[in-house]
Protein backbone atom coordinates (compact mmCIF):
# COMPACT_ATOMS: atom_id res chain seq x y z
CA UNK A 1 -13.14 -13.39 19.40
CA UNK A 2 -15.67 -12.77 22.14
CA UNK A 3 -19.28 -11.90 21.29
CA UNK A 4 -19.51 -8.13 21.72
CA UNK A 5 -22.23 -5.51 21.30
CA UNK A 6 -21.83 -2.87 18.57
CA UNK A 7 -25.21 -1.16 18.95
CA UNK A 8 -28.43 -2.04 20.76
CA UNK A 9 -28.79 -5.85 20.27
CA UNK A 10 -26.36 -5.82 17.33
CA UNK A 11 -23.42 -8.10 18.09
CA UNK A 12 -20.10 -9.12 16.60
CA UNK A 13 -19.86 -12.93 16.78
CA UNK A 14 -17.01 -13.71 14.38
CA UNK A 15 -13.57 -15.20 14.94
CA UNK A 16 -9.92 -14.06 14.85
CA UNK A 17 -7.00 -15.83 13.19
CA UNK A 18 -3.97 -14.26 14.85
CA UNK A 19 -1.49 -16.51 13.03
CA UNK A 20 -2.72 -16.18 9.45
CA UNK A 21 0.14 -15.08 7.18
CA UNK A 22 -1.37 -15.80 3.75
CA UNK A 23 -5.01 -15.30 2.83
CA UNK A 24 -6.32 -17.59 0.07
CA UNK A 25 -2.71 -18.83 -0.31
CA UNK A 26 -2.18 -15.57 -2.21
CA UNK A 27 -2.20 -12.40 -0.13
CA UNK A 28 0.40 -11.87 2.65
CA UNK A 29 -1.31 -10.95 5.91
CA UNK A 30 1.39 -9.65 8.22
CA UNK A 31 -1.10 -8.86 10.99
CA UNK A 32 -3.41 -11.88 10.73
CA UNK A 33 -7.11 -11.41 10.04
CA UNK A 34 -10.61 -11.92 11.35
CA UNK A 35 -13.70 -13.59 9.90
CA UNK A 36 -16.53 -11.33 10.91
CA UNK A 37 -20.15 -12.31 11.44
CA UNK A 38 -22.88 -10.34 13.16
CA UNK A 39 -26.07 -11.13 15.06
CA UNK A 40 -29.13 -8.85 15.18
CA UNK A 41 -31.80 -9.54 17.78
CA UNK A 42 -35.11 -7.92 16.90
CA UNK A 43 -38.18 -7.96 19.10
CA UNK A 44 -39.71 -10.74 16.97
CA UNK A 45 -36.99 -12.29 14.80
CA UNK A 46 -33.24 -12.82 14.90
CA UNK A 47 -30.85 -12.65 11.96
CA UNK A 48 -27.22 -13.66 11.50
CA UNK A 49 -25.17 -11.65 9.00
CA UNK A 50 -22.61 -13.93 7.31
CA UNK A 51 -20.68 -16.77 8.93
CA UNK A 52 -17.02 -17.85 9.13
CA UNK A 53 -14.67 -20.35 7.53
CA UNK A 54 -15.48 -23.99 8.34
CA UNK A 55 -12.38 -24.55 10.49
CA UNK A 56 -13.65 -21.91 12.98
CA UNK A 57 -16.77 -23.94 13.77
CA UNK A 58 -16.12 -24.36 17.50
CA UNK A 59 -15.29 -20.72 18.25
CA UNK A 60 -18.21 -19.50 16.16
CA UNK A 61 -20.83 -21.73 17.76
CA UNK A 62 -19.40 -20.85 21.18
CA UNK A 63 -20.01 -17.16 20.49
CA UNK A 64 -23.64 -17.88 19.53
CA UNK A 65 -24.15 -19.89 22.71
CA UNK A 66 -22.65 -17.09 24.80
CA UNK A 67 -25.56 -15.00 23.56
CA UNK A 68 -27.95 -17.90 24.28
CA UNK A 69 -28.83 -18.08 20.60
CA UNK A 70 -30.75 -21.37 20.64
CA UNK A 71 -32.97 -20.39 17.72
CA UNK A 72 -32.37 -18.41 14.54
CA UNK A 73 -34.77 -17.12 11.90
CA UNK A 74 -32.53 -15.82 9.13
CA UNK A 75 -28.97 -16.15 7.85
CA UNK A 76 -28.17 -13.18 5.61
CA UNK A 77 -25.30 -13.94 3.24
CA UNK A 78 -23.74 -10.83 1.70
CA UNK A 79 -21.12 -12.76 -0.29
CA UNK A 80 -20.81 -16.45 -1.21
CA UNK A 81 -17.05 -16.84 -0.83
CA UNK A 82 -16.24 -19.60 1.65
CA UNK A 83 -14.72 -17.40 4.34
CA UNK A 84 -18.15 -15.75 4.68
CA UNK A 85 -20.49 -18.66 3.93
CA UNK A 86 -18.46 -21.66 5.06
CA UNK A 87 -20.59 -22.49 8.10
CA UNK A 88 -23.99 -22.19 6.41
CA UNK A 89 -24.32 -25.99 5.89
CA UNK A 90 -23.70 -26.58 9.60
CA UNK A 91 -26.14 -23.84 10.65
CA UNK A 92 -28.87 -25.32 8.46
CA UNK A 93 -28.55 -28.44 10.61
CA UNK A 94 -28.25 -26.63 13.95
CA UNK A 95 -31.26 -24.38 13.20
CA UNK A 96 -33.70 -26.53 11.14
CA UNK A 97 -36.17 -23.71 10.49
CA UNK A 98 -33.67 -21.01 9.48
CA UNK A 99 -33.96 -19.29 6.09
CA UNK A 100 -31.06 -18.04 3.95
CA UNK A 101 -31.60 -14.45 2.82
CA UNK A 102 -29.55 -13.26 -0.13
CA UNK A 103 -29.69 -11.97 -3.70
CA UNK A 104 -30.27 -14.16 -6.74
CA UNK A 105 -26.64 -14.16 -7.90
CA UNK A 106 -25.33 -15.08 -4.47
CA UNK A 107 -27.93 -17.83 -4.09
CA UNK A 108 -26.72 -19.41 -7.31
CA UNK A 109 -23.11 -19.36 -6.16
CA UNK A 110 -24.02 -20.75 -2.72
CA UNK A 111 -25.88 -23.63 -4.36
CA UNK A 112 -22.83 -24.50 -6.45
CA UNK A 113 -20.30 -24.15 -3.62
CA UNK A 114 -22.28 -25.97 -0.94
CA UNK A 115 -24.54 -28.24 -3.03
CA UNK A 116 -27.74 -26.75 -1.67
CA UNK A 117 -29.93 -28.37 -4.31
CA UNK A 118 -32.08 -29.96 -1.61
CA UNK A 119 -32.32 -26.74 0.39
CA UNK A 120 -33.72 -24.45 -2.31
CA UNK A 121 -36.95 -24.00 -0.35
CA UNK A 122 -34.92 -22.42 2.44
CA UNK A 123 -33.84 -19.42 0.35
CA UNK A 124 -35.45 -15.99 0.49
CA UNK A 125 -34.32 -14.00 -2.57
CA UNK A 126 -34.28 -10.24 -2.09
CA UNK A 127 -33.89 -7.34 -4.49
CA UNK A 128 -32.43 -3.85 -4.37
CA UNK A 129 -33.65 -1.83 -1.35
CA UNK A 130 -36.09 -4.49 -0.24
CA UNK A 131 -36.59 -4.85 3.51
CA UNK A 132 -37.09 -7.60 6.05
CA UNK A 133 -38.69 -6.96 9.44
CA UNK A 134 -37.27 -8.38 12.66
CA UNK A 135 -39.94 -6.61 14.69
CA UNK A 136 -38.46 -3.41 16.06
CA UNK A 137 -35.49 -3.69 13.69
CA UNK A 138 -35.54 -3.59 9.91
CA UNK A 139 -32.98 -5.02 7.52
CA UNK A 140 -32.55 -3.23 4.19
CA UNK A 141 -30.59 -4.76 1.32
CA UNK A 142 -28.38 -3.14 -1.31
CA UNK A 143 -26.97 -5.46 -3.99
CA UNK A 144 -23.44 -4.12 -4.61
CA UNK A 145 -21.86 -6.11 -7.42
CA UNK A 146 -18.12 -6.09 -8.07
CA UNK A 147 -16.85 -5.13 -4.66
CA UNK A 148 -15.38 -7.59 -5.28
CA UNK A 149 -17.52 -10.48 -6.69
CA UNK A 150 -20.68 -10.23 -8.83
CA UNK A 151 -22.79 -11.41 -5.88
CA UNK A 152 -21.72 -8.95 -3.17
CA UNK A 153 -24.31 -6.87 -1.33
CA UNK A 154 -24.66 -4.60 1.71
CA UNK A 155 -27.20 -5.04 4.51
CA UNK A 156 -28.34 -2.22 6.79
CA UNK A 157 -30.02 -2.22 10.19
CA UNK A 158 -32.11 0.83 9.42
CA UNK A 159 -33.00 1.93 12.94
CA UNK A 160 -29.40 1.74 14.21
CA UNK A 161 -27.65 3.01 11.04
CA UNK A 162 -25.39 -0.05 11.05
CA UNK A 163 -24.18 -1.20 7.62
CA UNK A 164 -22.67 -4.62 6.88
CA UNK A 165 -20.43 -4.42 3.80
CA UNK A 166 -18.82 -7.90 3.54
CA UNK A 167 -15.32 -7.45 1.98
CA UNK A 168 -15.79 -3.76 1.14
CA UNK A 169 -13.84 -1.45 3.49
CA UNK A 170 -12.42 -4.45 5.32
CA UNK A 171 -8.88 -5.15 6.49
CA UNK A 172 -6.80 -8.25 7.12
CA UNK A 173 -5.92 -7.15 10.64
CA UNK A 174 -6.32 -9.15 13.83
CA UNK A 175 -6.94 -7.00 16.90
CA UNK A 176 -8.45 -7.40 20.33
CA UNK A 177 -10.21 -4.05 19.97
CA UNK A 178 -13.65 -4.19 18.38
CA UNK A 179 -13.37 -0.80 16.65
CA UNK A 180 -10.70 0.59 14.34
CA UNK A 181 -7.70 2.57 15.58
CA UNK A 182 -7.03 5.36 13.08
CA UNK A 183 -3.82 6.25 14.95
CA UNK A 184 -2.27 2.85 14.27
CA UNK A 185 0.15 2.95 11.33
CA UNK A 186 -0.01 -0.86 11.13
CA UNK A 187 -3.80 -0.81 10.80
CA UNK A 188 -3.73 1.88 8.09
CA UNK A 189 -1.02 0.01 6.16
CA UNK A 190 -3.06 -3.21 6.45
CA UNK A 191 -6.08 -1.36 5.09
CA UNK A 192 -4.08 -0.10 2.11
CA UNK A 193 -2.66 -3.56 1.33
CA UNK A 194 -6.16 -5.01 1.52
CA UNK A 195 -7.49 -2.36 -0.86
CA UNK A 196 -4.64 -2.98 -3.31
CA UNK A 197 -5.10 -6.75 -3.46
CA UNK A 198 -8.89 -7.03 -3.33
CA UNK A 199 -10.57 -3.76 -4.30
CA UNK A 200 -8.17 -1.95 -6.65
CA UNK A 201 -9.03 -4.14 -9.68
CA UNK A 202 -12.59 -2.78 -9.38
CA UNK A 203 -11.85 0.93 -8.88
CA UNK A 204 -14.87 2.16 -10.82
CA UNK A 205 -17.19 -0.01 -8.72
CA UNK A 206 -15.46 1.21 -5.57
CA UNK A 207 -16.25 4.80 -6.52
CA UNK A 208 -19.90 3.97 -7.25
CA UNK A 209 -20.36 2.22 -3.93
CA UNK A 210 -18.70 4.99 -1.96
CA UNK A 211 -21.50 7.19 -3.29
CA UNK A 212 -24.01 4.63 -2.03
CA UNK A 213 -22.42 4.70 1.42
CA UNK A 214 -22.58 8.50 1.40
CA UNK A 215 -26.29 8.17 0.67
CA UNK A 216 -26.87 5.66 3.48
CA UNK A 217 -24.66 7.63 5.92
CA UNK A 218 -24.14 4.79 8.41
CA UNK A 219 -23.01 5.35 11.97
CA UNK A 220 -21.14 2.03 12.01
CA UNK A 221 -19.70 0.04 9.10
CA UNK A 222 -19.19 -3.64 9.83
CA UNK A 223 -16.95 -5.32 7.22
CA UNK A 224 -16.25 -9.00 6.72
CA UNK A 225 -12.63 -8.70 7.90
CA UNK A 226 -10.91 -6.47 10.43
CA UNK A 227 -12.22 -3.97 12.97
CA UNK A 228 -15.66 -2.38 12.92
CA UNK A 229 -15.54 1.19 11.59
CA UNK A 230 -16.99 3.47 14.25
CA UNK A 231 -15.43 6.48 12.50
CA UNK A 232 -15.98 5.43 8.90
CA UNK A 233 -15.12 8.81 7.38
CA UNK A 234 -11.37 8.13 7.72
CA UNK A 235 -11.35 4.90 5.68
CA UNK A 236 -13.94 6.23 3.23
CA UNK A 237 -11.72 9.25 2.54
CA UNK A 238 -8.73 6.95 1.96
CA UNK A 239 -10.75 4.73 -0.40
CA UNK A 240 -11.89 7.81 -2.26
CA UNK A 241 -8.29 8.91 -2.76
CA UNK A 242 -6.96 5.46 -3.61
CA UNK A 243 -9.71 4.77 -6.14
CA UNK A 244 -9.51 8.14 -7.87
CA UNK A 245 -8.03 8.38 -11.37
CA UNK A 246 -5.36 10.84 -10.25
CA UNK A 247 -2.02 9.26 -9.25
CA UNK A 248 0.57 10.91 -7.05
CA UNK A 249 3.99 12.19 -8.04
CA UNK A 250 5.65 8.86 -7.24
CA UNK A 251 7.79 6.35 -9.14
CA UNK A 252 7.99 2.70 -8.02
CA UNK A 253 11.00 0.77 -9.31
CA UNK A 254 10.86 -3.00 -8.74
CA UNK A 255 13.89 -5.04 -9.74
CA UNK A 256 15.53 -8.46 -9.71
CA UNK A 257 19.19 -8.88 -10.62
CA UNK A 258 21.34 -11.96 -11.26
CA UNK A 259 24.89 -10.71 -11.93
CA UNK A 260 24.68 -7.05 -11.02
CA UNK A 261 23.98 -5.30 -14.33
CA UNK A 262 20.27 -4.80 -13.72
CA UNK A 263 20.87 -3.71 -10.13
CA UNK A 264 23.42 -1.12 -11.36
CA UNK A 265 20.88 0.22 -13.85
CA UNK A 266 18.18 0.34 -11.18
CA UNK A 267 20.40 2.17 -8.71
CA UNK A 268 21.46 4.70 -11.36
CA UNK A 269 17.88 5.45 -12.44
CA UNK A 270 16.63 5.77 -8.87
CA UNK A 271 19.53 8.07 -7.92
CA UNK A 272 18.90 10.24 -10.98
CA UNK A 273 15.21 10.58 -10.09
CA UNK A 274 16.06 11.44 -6.48
CA UNK A 275 18.44 14.18 -7.64
CA UNK A 276 15.60 15.62 -9.72
CA UNK A 277 13.37 15.77 -6.64
CA UNK A 278 10.98 13.07 -7.86
CA UNK A 279 9.74 10.79 -5.05
CA UNK A 280 10.76 7.21 -5.77
CA UNK A 281 10.54 3.86 -3.99
CA UNK A 282 12.86 0.97 -4.88
CA UNK A 283 12.07 -2.70 -4.17
CA UNK A 284 14.18 -5.83 -4.55
CA UNK A 285 11.66 -8.40 -5.73
CA UNK A 286 13.56 -11.25 -4.08
CA UNK A 287 13.06 -9.62 -0.68
CA UNK A 288 9.69 -7.86 -1.04
CA UNK A 289 6.38 -9.61 -0.54
CA UNK A 290 3.47 -8.89 -2.85
CA UNK A 291 1.53 -7.11 -0.10
CA UNK A 292 4.21 -4.43 0.24
CA UNK A 293 4.55 -4.03 -3.51
CA UNK A 294 0.78 -3.91 -4.03
CA UNK A 295 0.45 -1.17 -1.44
CA UNK A 296 3.32 0.79 -3.04
CA UNK A 297 1.75 0.93 -6.51
CA UNK A 298 -1.67 2.14 -5.33
CA UNK A 299 -0.71 5.81 -5.76
CA UNK A 300 2.26 5.62 -8.18
CA UNK A 301 2.14 7.56 -11.44
CA UNK A 302 5.01 5.53 -12.93
CA UNK A 303 6.05 1.91 -12.42
CA UNK A 304 9.40 0.61 -13.69
CA UNK A 305 10.08 -3.12 -13.84
CA UNK A 306 13.76 -4.09 -14.01
CA UNK A 307 14.80 -7.63 -14.97
CA UNK A 308 17.69 -9.62 -16.37
CA UNK A 309 17.14 -12.24 -19.05
CA UNK A 310 16.73 -15.93 -18.26
CA UNK A 311 17.41 -17.84 -21.50
CA UNK A 312 15.27 -15.70 -23.86
CA UNK A 313 12.76 -14.13 -21.50
CA UNK A 314 12.42 -12.04 -18.34
CA UNK A 315 13.31 -13.45 -14.94
CA UNK A 316 10.40 -15.54 -13.55
CA UNK A 317 10.10 -13.22 -10.54
CA UNK A 318 9.65 -10.26 -12.91
CA UNK A 319 7.00 -12.21 -14.83
CA UNK A 320 5.16 -12.89 -11.58
CA UNK A 321 5.33 -9.20 -10.70
CA UNK A 322 4.04 -8.14 -14.11
CA UNK A 323 1.13 -10.54 -13.69
CA UNK A 324 0.41 -9.14 -10.23
CA UNK A 325 0.43 -5.54 -11.53
CA UNK A 326 -1.79 -6.52 -14.44
CA UNK A 327 -4.22 -8.27 -12.08
CA UNK A 328 -4.59 -5.55 -9.44
CA UNK A 329 -4.77 -2.81 -12.11
CA UNK A 330 -3.19 0.26 -10.47
CA UNK A 331 -3.91 3.70 -11.90
CA UNK A 332 -0.30 4.34 -13.03
CA UNK A 333 -0.11 6.45 -16.19
CA UNK A 334 3.36 5.32 -17.29
CA UNK A 335 5.16 1.97 -17.32
CA UNK A 336 8.75 1.11 -18.17
CA UNK A 337 11.09 -1.86 -18.54
CA UNK A 338 14.85 -1.84 -18.00
CA UNK A 339 17.39 -4.63 -17.77
CA UNK A 340 20.08 -6.62 -19.49
CA UNK A 341 20.83 -9.78 -21.45
CA UNK A 342 23.79 -11.80 -22.62
CA UNK A 343 23.14 -13.18 -26.08
CA UNK A 344 19.46 -12.76 -26.89
CA UNK A 345 16.17 -11.67 -25.35
CA UNK A 346 12.49 -10.97 -25.90
CA UNK A 347 11.98 -9.73 -22.34
CA UNK A 348 10.78 -6.23 -23.30
CA UNK A 349 8.16 -7.53 -25.71
CA UNK A 350 7.05 -10.22 -23.25
CA UNK A 351 6.54 -7.82 -20.34
CA UNK A 352 5.08 -5.11 -22.57
CA UNK A 353 2.44 -7.51 -23.81
CA UNK A 354 1.65 -8.63 -20.26
CA UNK A 355 1.18 -5.05 -19.09
CA UNK A 356 -0.64 -3.70 -22.15
CA UNK A 357 -4.17 -4.28 -20.73
CA UNK A 358 -3.50 -1.54 -18.18
CA UNK A 359 -3.67 1.06 -20.94
CA UNK A 360 -0.74 3.04 -19.53
CA UNK A 361 1.93 4.66 -21.71
CA UNK A 362 4.98 2.42 -22.21
CA UNK A 363 8.15 4.46 -21.92
CA UNK A 364 11.07 3.75 -24.24
CA UNK A 365 12.73 0.66 -22.71
CA UNK A 366 16.37 0.53 -21.68
CA UNK A 367 17.53 -3.04 -22.29
CA UNK A 368 21.24 -3.56 -22.84
CA UNK A 369 23.64 -6.35 -23.74
CA UNK A 370 26.21 -7.07 -21.05
CA UNK A 371 27.46 -4.56 -18.52
CA UNK A 372 26.16 -0.98 -18.55
CA UNK A 373 28.31 1.45 -20.53
CA UNK A 374 27.90 5.08 -21.54
CA UNK A 375 25.09 4.31 -23.99
CA UNK A 376 23.10 2.69 -21.19
CA UNK A 377 23.73 5.65 -18.89
CA UNK A 378 22.50 8.03 -21.60
CA UNK A 379 19.38 5.93 -22.17
CA UNK A 380 18.60 5.83 -18.43
CA UNK A 381 19.01 9.61 -18.23
CA UNK A 382 16.59 9.90 -21.16
CA UNK A 383 14.09 7.71 -19.30
CA UNK A 384 14.46 9.95 -16.23
CA UNK A 385 13.93 12.99 -18.50
CA UNK A 386 10.72 11.43 -19.83
CA UNK A 387 9.46 10.65 -16.32
CA UNK A 388 10.26 14.15 -15.08
CA UNK A 389 8.46 15.75 -18.01
CA UNK A 390 5.34 13.62 -17.58
CA UNK A 391 5.20 14.11 -13.81
CA UNK A 392 5.07 17.88 -14.29
CA UNK A 393 1.51 17.50 -15.59
CA UNK A 394 0.19 15.44 -12.65
């Protein structure tokens, strides 16, 4: 990524990974990602906001040299995770007099991750709403815990109304354009997947920090991944909707089937819901990556997990999906389990226990022995009745 100017002497100096397909070996990234860092040149001092992952060392230093950045006064770290702080050890060597500016929690994590025991005198610990002068530019700091680590914070260039938000409002989306494209369906889908995987587990904190951003009213929002938000109202409005407690009239049915019984049950339930006019999305877990599924459950009022039995328990893919749903904590109000077994099972109890921390209502399960017969059809219709009745109150 080239070094580019966002506002007067405020530059983007991060890097792009066009080929990234999994972030943290966990999150599918269909459109790659970027590792954003920013440089602010004041009349007296210069500050770098965050760094990049260690493997991007050459591209990152090249961007600094393109701006003739042969000295540096401060490195502001908004979040200790390695994709934001990975080049701090190198920069401490390149710029011997530079100071690390961060909050107390982040400083502790940086010391553990990078073994900074001998560099403690190079830390400047800041508190909520404290400021740091760069001459004609002022940095203001807002500790913002749990979006998405306990150490995260925002940094503002007060005079330019530029706000650096680390992972908050970011996107795993590689693009040559510096600023977001709200007309791009791929970009908006990437933003939703990112929210689902990284921010949705902390919905209450998301809502609190949206209020903080409303208070600051930035002109530009510069996240740690993805394009700079030059029209931040669009993404803020989406985050406000996604993080609200009100789900949409939507059912997500995710299934895995071994010999056809569970697939038959899934198809019947989905068809019944469609005939009732209830929006529904069906996903084969063997063909759907977790990014797609995570995005799908952001707004769903009901999630149904369909699985056959493997020995005594649910299919391992269904277990993985239940763990994912439990981890990202969607706002669904109702959960259900359907499926089949041959000679014995505890699949319903197993999945019910996994999903119980979500606090959603567990619908009466439909778990049958062998091939579906009339009793199974009646039970699936009853589940559709229950879903229809509950969705009337959304």
